[in-house]
Structures are given as structure tokens and as C-alpha cells.
Amino acid sequence: MNNLNEDKTKLENSQEFLDFKKQYPKAYFYAAFTLYEDIKNAIWQFNYYDLESTKTTAFEVDKEIKIVSQSKIFQKEKVDPKEVNLDEVKIDIEKAFSIIDELKEKKYKGQTENKFIITLQNINNKLVWNITYLTTELNFLNVKIDANDGKIIEEKYESILNLKAK
């Protein structure tokens, strides 16, 4: 799964993480996130949620491991995020991209990707790759893919300019 499993293991074996777990022993992993232009240089951010404090802590795993944010979780309704277990992911990121490439070939030809936003999370008790392509034509394609069976759950294609008008 690219370097996601390796990076999470590196994080969870680090002193920074062990210190965090002493302070928040019930915190659990609920999302992985990255924003990048080139997948080979993606830096994953791992998000942990603590039920007692209702704080989310984001760790960045690069050459060094660091906490990049710690705050109350932003949500419309009080619902704790669901835990994510990477061992349950059957569709890796490369396969998810091939599914999106097929979709783009059928429906969205001529768009040039510029940046990518990827989140792996549990939505409605399903592990989901939530992938957004930002294009040089100022459009975005957001696709949610079931990380177990590879089915497209949802797709949205829109001009970024339309978002501003809403």
C-alpha cells in the first residue's frame, strides 16, 4: 500500500508516539491523509482520536516524526470517528488510482491532474479511499472508493469556480 503500512509502523515505534500514547492511552488511528503532486514523494499524515478528550492528533511521518496539529475534532454532529485498521484494506492506493484512471478515461478525458488529496477513513462502517484530483483546468474530481471491494461509492466532478459561487 505504497509506504502507508511502513510509515504507520515507523510512527507507532517512535518515541514521539510512545509519549503521546502515555498521555492518551485510549487514542486510536482513524484516518490517513496526504496532499501531493507526486505519489512517490507523498508524506502521510496519521490522525488519532482520543475518546476522553475528544481531541484529534495528527502526526506527519517524513525523515522525522512530528505532531503537526492537535485540536478538538471538527464535526457537525457529535459522532466519534471510526477506527481504521490497515490490515482490513484490500484495495491498495495503486489499485484505487487504476480504478479512477478507468473512470477518467470513460467520463473525464482531457483533464490534467495537478495535485491530489487522499484520505483513507471509515465512513458509515466502510473503509474508504476518498481521493480528490485538482486539475490545471480548475476542476476537481472527487471519488470515494470502497477499500475492500474497489467499488466506486460516489463521484463528483465540478469546477472549483462553482464552489466559490455557492
C-alpha atoms as a PDB file:
ATOM      1  CA  MET A   1       0.000   0.000   0.000  1.00  0.00           C
ATOM      2  CA  ASN A   2       2.693   2.371  -1.110  1.00  0.00           C
ATOM      3  CA  ASN A   3       4.527   3.194   2.132  1.00  0.00           C
ATOM      4  CA  LEU A   4       1.429   3.632   4.297  1.00  0.00           C
ATOM      5  CA  ASN A   5       1.895   0.474   6.406  1.00  0.00           C
ATOM      6  CA  GLU A   6       5.622   1.091   6.785  1.00  0.00           C
ATOM      7  CA  ASP A   7       5.104   4.717   7.772  1.00  0.00           C
ATOM      8  CA  LYS A   8       2.439   3.816  10.340  1.00  0.00           C
ATOM      9  CA  THR A   9       4.727   1.183  11.875  1.00  0.00           C
ATOM     10  CA  LYS A  10       7.587   3.696  11.949  1.00  0.00           C
ATOM     11  CA  LEU A  11       5.297   6.191  13.676  1.00  0.00           C
ATOM     12  CA  GLU A  12       3.976   3.761  16.264  1.00  0.00           C
ATOM     13  CA  ASN A  13       7.506   2.670  17.191  1.00  0.00           C
ATOM     14  CA  SER A  14       8.768   6.246  17.590  1.00  0.00           C
ATOM     15  CA  GLN A  15       9.411   7.952  20.910  1.00  0.00           C
ATOM     16  CA  GLU A  16       7.079  10.793  19.898  1.00  0.00           C
ATOM     17  CA  PHE A  17       4.198   8.351  19.510  1.00  0.00           C
ATOM     18  CA  LEU A  18       5.025   6.379  22.661  1.00  0.00           C
ATOM     19  CA  ASP A  19       4.997   9.644  24.637  1.00  0.00           C
ATOM     20  CA  PHE A  20       1.651  10.553  23.058  1.00  0.00           C
ATOM     21  CA  LYS A  21       0.157   7.139  23.999  1.00  0.00           C
ATOM     22  CA  LYS A  22       1.248   7.636  27.621  1.00  0.00           C
ATOM     23  CA  GLN A  23      -0.803  10.821  27.690  1.00  0.00           C
ATOM     24  CA  TYR A  24      -3.688   9.462  25.570  1.00  0.00           C
ATOM     25  CA  PRO A  25      -3.721   5.673  26.113  1.00  0.00           C
ATOM     26  CA  LYS A  26      -7.159   5.204  24.513  1.00  0.00           C
ATOM     27  CA  ALA A  27      -6.377   7.155  21.346  1.00  0.00           C
ATOM     28  CA  TYR A  28      -6.867   5.208  18.119  1.00  0.00           C
ATOM     29  CA  PHE A  29      -5.984   5.594  14.447  1.00  0.00           C
ATOM     30  CA  TYR A  30      -8.898   6.898  12.391  1.00  0.00           C
ATOM     31  CA  ALA A  31      -7.520   8.411   9.167  1.00  0.00           C
ATOM     32  CA  ALA A  32      -4.521   8.728   6.893  1.00  0.00           C
ATOM     33  CA  PHE A  33      -4.153  11.848   4.769  1.00  0.00           C
ATOM     34  CA  THR A  34      -1.791  13.241   2.174  1.00  0.00           C
ATOM     35  CA  LEU A  35      -1.710  16.151  -0.258  1.00  0.00           C
ATOM     36  CA  TYR A  36       0.852  15.881  -3.013  1.00  0.00           C
ATOM     37  CA  GLU A  37       1.862  16.451  -6.601  1.00  0.00           C
ATOM     38  CA  ASP A  38       3.841  13.217  -6.963  1.00  0.00           C
ATOM     39  CA  ILE A  39       2.849   9.972  -5.188  1.00  0.00           C
ATOM     40  CA  LYS A  40       6.487   8.921  -4.819  1.00  0.00           C
ATOM     41  CA  ASN A  41       7.088  11.986  -2.631  1.00  0.00           C
ATOM     42  CA  ALA A  42       3.857  11.813  -0.658  1.00  0.00           C
ATOM     43  CA  ILE A  43       4.182  12.461   3.049  1.00  0.00           C
ATOM     44  CA  TRP A  44       1.473  10.703   5.026  1.00  0.00           C
ATOM     45  CA  GLN A  45      -0.242  12.251   7.979  1.00  0.00           C
ATOM     46  CA  PHE A  46      -1.756   9.829  10.516  1.00  0.00           C
ATOM     47  CA  ASN A  47      -4.668  11.014  12.623  1.00  0.00           C
ATOM     48  CA  TYR A  48      -5.504   9.623  16.059  1.00  0.00           C
ATOM     49  CA  TYR A  49      -8.601  10.332  18.102  1.00  0.00           C
ATOM     50  CA  ASP A  50      -8.898  10.242  21.878  1.00  0.00           C
ATOM     51  CA  LEU A  51     -12.399   9.466  23.171  1.00  0.00           C
ATOM     52  CA  GLU A  52     -11.840  11.026  26.582  1.00  0.00           C
ATOM     53  CA  SER A  53     -10.503  14.417  25.480  1.00  0.00           C
ATOM     54  CA  THR A  54     -12.258  14.340  22.052  1.00  0.00           C
ATOM     55  CA  LYS A  55      -9.005  15.633  20.601  1.00  0.00           C
ATOM     56  CA  THR A  56      -7.528  14.635  17.310  1.00  0.00           C
ATOM     57  CA  THR A  57      -3.766  14.492  16.914  1.00  0.00           C
ATOM     58  CA  ALA A  58      -2.108  14.442  13.504  1.00  0.00           C
ATOM     59  CA  PHE A  59       1.392  13.030  13.073  1.00  0.00           C
ATOM     60  CA  GLU A  60       3.476  13.621   9.970  1.00  0.00           C
ATOM     61  CA  VAL A  61       5.859  10.845   9.021  1.00  0.00           C
ATOM     62  CA  ASP A  62       8.804  12.004   6.955  1.00  0.00           C
ATOM     63  CA  LYS A  63      12.515  11.844   7.755  1.00  0.00           C
ATOM     64  CA  GLU A  64      11.432  12.905  11.223  1.00  0.00           C
ATOM     65  CA  ILE A  65       8.161  12.278  13.008  1.00  0.00           C
ATOM     66  CA  LYS A  66       6.294  15.248  14.382  1.00  0.00           C
ATOM     67  CA  ILE A  67       2.900  16.276  15.645  1.00  0.00           C
ATOM     68  CA  VAL A  68       1.522  18.740  13.105  1.00  0.00           C
ATOM     69  CA  SER A  69      -1.745  19.515  14.856  1.00  0.00           C
ATOM     70  CA  GLN A  70      -3.751  18.741  17.931  1.00  0.00           C
ATOM     71  CA  SER A  71      -7.264  20.065  18.380  1.00  0.00           C
ATOM     72  CA  LYS A  72     -10.876  19.261  19.022  1.00  0.00           C
ATOM     73  CA  ILE A  73     -12.317  17.413  16.079  1.00  0.00           C
ATOM     74  CA  PHE A  74     -14.438  19.469  13.690  1.00  0.00           C
ATOM     75  CA  GLN A  75     -17.833  17.875  13.115  1.00  0.00           C
ATOM     76  CA  LYS A  76     -21.409  18.966  12.530  1.00  0.00           C
ATOM     77  CA  GLU A  77     -22.819  16.303  14.863  1.00  0.00           C
ATOM     78  CA  LYS A  78     -21.151  14.673  17.859  1.00  0.00           C
ATOM     79  CA  VAL A  79     -20.097  11.364  16.357  1.00  0.00           C
ATOM     80  CA  ASP A  80     -16.749   9.821  17.185  1.00  0.00           C
ATOM     81  CA  PRO A  81     -14.738   8.864  14.107  1.00  0.00           C
ATOM     82  CA  LYS A  82     -14.481   5.129  13.459  1.00  0.00           C
ATOM     83  CA  GLU A  83     -11.197   3.316  13.883  1.00  0.00           C
ATOM     84  CA  VAL A  84      -9.237   2.302  10.776  1.00  0.00           C
ATOM     85  CA  ASN A  85      -7.335  -0.966  10.624  1.00  0.00           C
ATOM     86  CA  LEU A  86      -4.887  -1.035   7.700  1.00  0.00           C
ATOM     87  CA  ASP A  87      -4.924  -4.851   7.735  1.00  0.00           C
ATOM     88  CA  GLU A  88      -8.545  -4.713   6.564  1.00  0.00           C
ATOM     89  CA  VAL A  89      -7.718  -2.671   3.450  1.00  0.00           C
ATOM     90  CA  LYS A  90      -7.935  -4.964   0.393  1.00  0.00           C
ATOM     91  CA  ILE A  91      -7.641  -2.294  -2.334  1.00  0.00           C
ATOM     92  CA  ASP A  92      -4.298  -0.503  -2.073  1.00  0.00           C
ATOM     93  CA  ILE A  93      -3.692   3.032  -3.258  1.00  0.00           C
ATOM     94  CA  GLU A  94      -2.237   1.918  -6.598  1.00  0.00           C
ATOM     95  CA  LYS A  95      -5.380  -0.136  -7.358  1.00  0.00           C
ATOM     96  CA  ALA A  96      -7.585   2.783  -6.272  1.00  0.00           C
ATOM     97  CA  PHE A  97      -5.763   5.011  -8.763  1.00  0.00           C
ATOM     98  CA  SER A  98      -6.231   2.467 -11.545  1.00  0.00           C
ATOM     99  CA  ILE A  99      -9.985   2.440 -10.810  1.00  0.00           C
ATOM    100  CA  ILE A 100     -10.055   6.232 -11.051  1.00  0.00           C
ATOM    101  CA  ASP A 101      -7.952   6.154 -14.240  1.00  0.00           C
ATOM    102  CA  GLU A 102     -10.592   3.904 -15.847  1.00  0.00           C
ATOM    103  CA  LEU A 103     -13.321   6.283 -14.736  1.00  0.00           C
ATOM    104  CA  LYS A 104     -11.414   9.291 -16.095  1.00  0.00           C
ATOM    105  CA  GLU A 105     -10.853   7.542 -19.434  1.00  0.00           C
ATOM    106  CA  LYS A 106     -14.607   6.906 -19.781  1.00  0.00           C
ATOM    107  CA  LYS A 107     -16.001  10.181 -18.468  1.00  0.00           C
ATOM    108  CA  TYR A 108     -13.377  12.877 -17.896  1.00  0.00           C
ATOM    109  CA  LYS A 109     -10.885  12.848 -20.765  1.00  0.00           C
ATOM    110  CA  GLY A 110      -8.647  15.822 -21.305  1.00  0.00           C
ATOM    111  CA  GLN A 111      -8.212  16.817 -17.677  1.00  0.00           C
ATOM    112  CA  THR A 112      -4.640  17.232 -16.433  1.00  0.00           C
ATOM    113  CA  GLU A 113      -4.082  16.461 -12.763  1.00  0.00           C
ATOM    114  CA  ASN A 114      -2.149  18.997 -10.790  1.00  0.00           C
ATOM    115  CA  LYS A 115      -2.483  17.973  -7.137  1.00  0.00           C
ATOM    116  CA  PHE A 116      -4.033  15.080  -5.253  1.00  0.00           C
ATOM    117  CA  ILE A 117      -5.685  14.874  -1.863  1.00  0.00           C
ATOM    118  CA  ILE A 118      -6.062  11.375  -0.451  1.00  0.00           C
ATOM    119  CA  THR A 119      -7.756  10.268   2.737  1.00  0.00           C
ATOM    120  CA  LEU A 120      -8.263   6.732   3.969  1.00  0.00           C
ATOM    121  CA  GLN A 121     -11.078   6.710   6.501  1.00  0.00           C
ATOM    122  CA  ASN A 122     -14.023   4.754   7.845  1.00  0.00           C
ATOM    123  CA  ILE A 123     -17.275   6.224   6.511  1.00  0.00           C
ATOM    124  CA  ASN A 124     -20.512   4.544   7.570  1.00  0.00           C
ATOM    125  CA  ASN A 125     -18.593   1.451   8.701  1.00  0.00           C
ATOM    126  CA  LYS A 126     -16.791   1.124   5.355  1.00  0.00           C
ATOM    127  CA  LEU A 127     -13.111   1.695   4.737  1.00  0.00           C
ATOM    128  CA  VAL A 128     -12.987   4.321   2.012  1.00  0.00           C
ATOM    129  CA  TRP A 129     -10.332   5.871  -0.182  1.00  0.00           C
ATOM    130  CA  ASN A 130     -11.501   9.465  -0.589  1.00  0.00           C
ATOM    131  CA  ILE A 131      -9.421  10.815  -3.480  1.00  0.00           C
ATOM    132  CA  THR A 132      -9.658  14.286  -4.971  1.00  0.00           C
ATOM    133  CA  TYR A 133      -7.832  15.356  -8.126  1.00  0.00           C
ATOM    134  CA  LEU A 134      -7.324  19.059  -8.649  1.00  0.00           C
ATOM    135  CA  THR A 135      -6.751  19.840 -12.309  1.00  0.00           C
ATOM    136  CA  THR A 136      -4.898  22.563 -14.175  1.00  0.00           C
ATOM    137  CA  GLU A 137      -8.275  23.410 -15.765  1.00  0.00           C
ATOM    138  CA  LEU A 138      -9.560  24.449 -12.292  1.00  0.00           C
ATOM    139  CA  ASN A 139     -11.794  21.423 -11.851  1.00  0.00           C
ATOM    140  CA  PHE A 140     -11.843  18.757  -9.220  1.00  0.00           C
ATOM    141  CA  LEU A 141     -12.823  15.130  -9.375  1.00  0.00           C
ATOM    142  CA  ASN A 142     -13.641  13.559  -6.040  1.00  0.00           C
ATOM    143  CA  VAL A 143     -14.072   9.787  -5.954  1.00  0.00           C
ATOM    144  CA  LYS A 144     -14.853   7.636  -2.945  1.00  0.00           C
ATOM    145  CA  ILE A 145     -13.809   4.003  -3.424  1.00  0.00           C
ATOM    146  CA  ASP A 146     -14.619   1.102  -1.117  1.00  0.00           C
ATOM    147  CA  ALA A 147     -11.195  -0.034   0.139  1.00  0.00           C
ATOM    148  CA  ASN A 148     -12.418  -3.640   0.402  1.00  0.00           C
ATOM    149  CA  ASP A 149     -14.067  -4.327  -2.951  1.00  0.00           C
ATOM    150  CA  GLY A 150     -12.957  -1.420  -5.171  1.00  0.00           C
ATOM    151  CA  LYS A 151     -16.490  -0.241  -5.996  1.00  0.00           C
ATOM    152  CA  ILE A 152     -16.999   3.450  -6.577  1.00  0.00           C
ATOM    153  CA  ILE A 153     -19.285   4.684  -3.809  1.00  0.00           C
ATOM    154  CA  GLU A 154     -19.547   8.262  -5.022  1.00  0.00           C
ATOM    155  CA  GLU A 155     -18.046  10.551  -7.627  1.00  0.00           C
ATOM    156  CA  LYS A 156     -18.284  14.294  -8.008  1.00  0.00           C
ATOM    157  CA  TYR A 157     -16.832  16.402 -10.808  1.00  0.00           C
ATOM    158  CA  GLU A 158     -17.089  20.159 -10.579  1.00  0.00           C
ATOM    159  CA  SER A 159     -15.367  23.401 -11.391  1.00  0.00           C
ATOM    160  CA  ILE A 160     -13.574  24.975  -8.455  1.00  0.00           C
ATOM    161  CA  LEU A 161     -15.103  28.257  -9.593  1.00  0.00           C
ATOM    162  CA  ASN A 162     -18.615  26.856  -8.915  1.00  0.00           C
ATOM    163  CA  LEU A 163     -17.683  26.204  -5.298  1.00  0.00           C
ATOM    164  CA  LYS A 164     -16.920  29.855  -4.747  1.00  0.00           C
ATOM    165  CA  ALA A 165     -20.350  30.873  -6.043  1.00  0.00           C
ATOM    166  CA  LYS A 166     -22.225  28.548  -3.646  1.00  0.00           C
END
